[in-house]
Amino acid sequence: SFPAKQYPQKIMIWAGFSSRVCIGPFFFNSTVTAESYQQMLKDYVIPNLKKHKKFSTTIFQQDGATPHTALNTKEFLKREFREDAVISRGFPFAWPWYSPDFKPADFGLWPHLKMKVCAKNYNSVEELKTAIQNEFHSLPQCFFSNCVNSVIERCALCFEADGGNFQSLFVLKTLLYLNMFVITQLCKFCLK
């Protein structure tokens, strides 16, 4: 493999899932902009949701990244999904800021992929992308279902902790119930 670089090359990934459907991963070829994000939704996400006959029942959750909350992206999402079917900043159902404990991709999918895929070095971006795709597609559907279902428990624990830190409660309940975790989010993986 190549020696470590001072500024390692990065790739941007999008993946989406519910308790029944997984879409992705999708790789962006450059920095994600509002335009490239909308294009990915239009060309990749929406057709896949329609293919799985899930488009009309989808509640689309995303974080507050600038490409996700740009005015033209919000207009696009309102047009495509309905305003009440989007959970994001600037919509009737805003997702809490800095809340990785409630985002299944942040607490489940991305850590799992990083642990599995980044355990070795890759000689090219394409090799890394292939490893990510293989690991993503090898995950059983119950992994995603458990991640989505754990959001309800996490919300209840947050309420139980009066909105404060609930990790100690969650760790205790996780040990008791052996929960696994994972919705949509962009992620960076470093090429080693």
Protein backbone atom coordinates (compact mmCIF):
# COMPACT_ATOMS: atom_id res chain seq x y z
CA SER A 1 0.00 0.00 0.00
CA PHE A 2 0.97 3.63 -0.41
CA PRO A 3 2.62 5.52 2.44
CA ALA A 4 0.31 7.70 4.53
CA LYS A 5 -0.34 11.10 3.02
CA GLN A 6 -0.40 14.34 4.95
CA TYR A 7 -3.90 15.07 3.62
CA PRO A 8 -5.54 11.71 2.88
CA GLN A 9 -8.02 11.49 0.06
CA LYS A 10 -11.63 11.28 1.20
CA ILE A 11 -14.84 10.05 -0.31
CA MET A 12 -18.34 11.19 0.53
CA ILE A 13 -21.05 8.58 0.94
CA TRP A 14 -24.82 8.63 1.29
CA ALA A 15 -26.87 5.63 2.37
CA GLY A 16 -30.47 5.42 3.43
CA PHE A 17 -32.51 2.77 5.13
CA SER A 18 -35.68 2.01 6.97
CA SER A 19 -36.59 -1.09 8.89
CA ARG A 20 -37.51 -2.73 5.56
CA VAL A 21 -35.55 -1.08 2.73
CA CYS A 22 -31.88 -0.19 2.24
CA ILE A 23 -30.68 2.17 -0.48
CA GLY A 24 -27.05 2.73 -1.22
CA PRO A 25 -24.36 3.35 -0.76
CA PHE A 26 -24.06 6.29 -3.13
CA PHE A 27 -20.65 7.91 -3.64
CA PHE A 28 -20.23 11.57 -4.48
CA ASN A 29 -17.41 12.37 -6.90
CA SER A 30 -16.50 15.64 -5.22
CA THR A 31 -17.55 17.96 -2.43
CA VAL A 32 -21.27 17.71 -1.77
CA THR A 33 -23.19 20.81 -2.79
CA ALA A 34 -26.91 21.52 -2.69
CA GLU A 35 -27.02 20.81 -6.42
CA SER A 36 -25.15 17.48 -6.25
CA TYR A 37 -27.23 16.40 -3.26
CA GLN A 38 -30.49 17.16 -5.09
CA GLN A 39 -29.21 15.39 -8.20
CA MET A 40 -28.40 12.28 -6.14
CA LEU A 41 -31.89 12.34 -4.61
CA LYS A 42 -33.50 12.80 -8.03
CA ASP A 43 -31.42 10.23 -9.94
CA TYR A 44 -30.78 7.62 -7.26
CA VAL A 45 -32.86 7.83 -4.08
CA ILE A 46 -36.33 8.65 -5.40
CA PRO A 47 -36.22 6.03 -8.21
CA ASN A 48 -35.09 3.40 -5.67
CA LEU A 49 -37.88 4.30 -3.26
CA LYS A 50 -40.38 4.05 -6.12
CA LYS A 51 -38.88 0.71 -7.21
CA HIS A 52 -39.45 -0.67 -3.69
CA LYS A 53 -42.94 0.89 -3.66
CA LYS A 54 -42.01 2.94 -0.58
CA PHE A 55 -42.01 6.47 -1.98
CA SER A 56 -45.51 7.48 -0.88
CA THR A 57 -44.94 6.25 2.70
CA THR A 58 -41.39 7.54 3.17
CA ILE A 59 -40.56 9.93 5.98
CA PHE A 60 -37.27 11.43 4.87
CA GLN A 61 -34.87 12.27 7.71
CA GLN A 62 -31.65 14.16 7.21
CA ASP A 63 -29.23 16.19 9.29
CA GLY A 64 -28.65 19.93 9.10
CA ALA A 65 -25.69 19.91 6.71
CA THR A 66 -25.67 22.99 4.48
CA PRO A 67 -26.42 21.08 1.23
CA HIS A 68 -29.44 19.51 2.97
CA THR A 69 -30.88 22.78 4.23
CA ALA A 70 -30.12 25.15 1.36
CA LEU A 71 -33.24 27.01 0.23
CA ASN A 72 -33.35 25.26 -3.15
CA THR A 73 -32.91 21.84 -1.48
CA LYS A 74 -35.77 22.55 0.91
CA GLU A 75 -37.97 23.58 -2.03
CA PHE A 76 -36.97 20.39 -3.88
CA LEU A 77 -37.79 18.21 -0.83
CA LYS A 78 -41.18 19.91 -0.33
CA ARG A 79 -42.00 19.31 -4.00
CA GLU A 80 -40.85 15.69 -4.04
CA PHE A 81 -41.74 14.36 -0.56
CA ARG A 82 -44.35 16.72 0.95
CA GLU A 83 -43.39 19.15 3.66
CA ASP A 84 -44.80 16.99 6.46
CA ALA A 85 -42.81 13.95 5.26
CA VAL A 86 -39.38 15.53 5.85
CA ILE A 87 -37.61 15.61 9.20
CA SER A 88 -34.97 18.30 8.93
CA ARG A 89 -34.07 21.81 9.99
CA GLY A 90 -36.43 24.31 8.37
CA PHE A 91 -39.38 21.87 8.20
CA PRO A 92 -42.34 21.41 10.55
CA PHE A 93 -40.54 18.43 12.09
CA ALA A 94 -37.03 19.65 12.82
CA TRP A 95 -34.43 17.15 13.96
CA PRO A 96 -32.50 18.20 17.07
CA TRP A 97 -29.11 19.79 16.41
CA TYR A 98 -26.04 17.79 17.34
CA SER A 99 -28.06 14.69 18.06
CA PRO A 100 -26.08 11.67 16.82
CA ASP A 101 -27.73 9.60 19.56
CA PHE A 102 -30.99 9.79 17.61
CA LYS A 103 -29.67 9.22 14.08
CA PRO A 104 -29.37 5.51 13.30
CA ALA A 105 -26.76 6.09 10.63
CA ASP A 106 -24.57 8.02 13.10
CA PHE A 107 -24.80 5.57 15.97
CA GLY A 108 -25.03 2.36 13.95
CA LEU A 109 -24.20 2.21 10.27
CA TRP A 110 -21.22 4.57 9.98
CA PRO A 111 -19.38 3.24 13.07
CA HIS A 112 -19.95 -0.33 11.87
CA LEU A 113 -18.67 0.41 8.36
CA LYS A 114 -15.66 2.31 9.72
CA MET A 115 -14.79 -0.53 12.08
CA LYS A 116 -15.06 -3.20 9.38
CA VAL A 117 -13.82 -1.37 6.29
CA CYS A 118 -11.12 0.83 7.80
CA ALA A 119 -9.45 -2.15 9.45
CA LYS A 120 -7.23 -2.46 6.37
CA ASN A 121 -5.47 -0.22 3.87
CA TYR A 122 -6.56 0.23 0.27
CA ASN A 123 -4.49 1.03 -2.78
CA SER A 124 -7.15 3.04 -4.56
CA VAL A 125 -10.41 4.88 -4.04
CA GLU A 126 -12.18 2.27 -6.17
CA GLU A 127 -10.89 -0.53 -3.94
CA LEU A 128 -12.18 1.32 -0.87
CA LYS A 129 -15.58 1.93 -2.50
CA THR A 130 -15.87 -1.77 -3.34
CA ALA A 131 -15.08 -2.74 0.26
CA ILE A 132 -17.74 -0.31 1.54
CA GLN A 133 -20.34 -1.63 -0.90
CA ASN A 134 -19.56 -5.25 -0.02
CA GLU A 135 -19.82 -4.62 3.72
CA PHE A 136 -23.02 -2.57 3.37
CA HIS A 137 -24.70 -5.25 1.24
CA SER A 138 -23.58 -8.04 3.59
CA LEU A 139 -25.49 -6.56 6.54
CA PRO A 140 -28.69 -8.45 7.30
CA GLN A 141 -31.95 -6.50 7.21
CA CYS A 142 -32.37 -7.09 10.95
CA PHE A 143 -29.29 -4.88 11.54
CA PHE A 144 -31.15 -1.95 9.97
CA SER A 145 -34.45 -2.85 11.67
CA ASN A 146 -32.78 -2.95 15.08
CA CYS A 147 -31.14 0.40 14.42
CA VAL A 148 -34.38 2.07 13.41
CA ASN A 149 -36.33 0.50 16.26
CA SER A 150 -33.76 1.61 18.83
CA VAL A 151 -34.51 5.28 18.06
CA ILE A 152 -37.78 4.97 20.00
CA GLU A 153 -35.94 3.58 23.02
CA ARG A 154 -33.29 6.29 22.74
CA CYS A 155 -35.99 9.00 22.71
CA ALA A 156 -37.63 7.47 25.78
CA LEU A 157 -34.26 7.39 27.58
CA CYS A 158 -33.65 11.04 26.68
CA PHE A 159 -37.06 11.91 28.10
CA GLU A 160 -36.29 9.84 31.23
CA ALA A 161 -33.04 11.84 31.63
CA ASP A 162 -34.96 15.16 31.27
CA GLY A 163 -33.20 15.87 27.99
CA GLY A 164 -29.78 15.33 29.50
CA ASN A 165 -27.12 12.76 28.82
CA PHE A 166 -28.61 9.29 28.79
CA GLN A 167 -25.66 7.20 27.65
CA SER A 168 -25.28 5.44 31.01
CA LEU A 169 -28.96 4.48 30.91
CA PHE A 170 -28.61 3.34 27.32
CA VAL A 171 -25.50 1.26 28.00
CA LEU A 172 -27.32 -0.49 30.84
CA LYS A 173 -30.37 -1.18 28.69
CA THR A 174 -28.17 -2.23 25.76
CA LEU A 175 -26.45 -4.80 27.94
CA LEU A 176 -29.84 -6.09 29.04
CA TYR A 177 -31.50 -6.14 25.62
CA LEU A 178 -28.49 -6.55 23.32
CA ASN A 179 -29.73 -3.85 20.96
CA MET A 180 -28.01 -3.07 17.71
CA PHE A 181 -28.22 0.21 16.02
CA VAL A 182 -29.01 2.68 12.23
CA ILE A 183 -31.42 6.56 8.51
CA THR A 184 -29.74 8.84 6.21
CA GLN A 185 -26.56 10.80 6.50
CA LEU A 186 -23.41 11.76 4.66
CA CYS A 187 -20.14 10.28 5.88
CA LYS A 188 -16.44 10.63 5.13
CA PHE A 189 -14.14 7.66 4.94
CA CYS A 190 -10.41 8.29 4.69
CA LEU A 191 -8.32 6.48 2.14
CA LYS A 192 -5.34 5.24 4.08
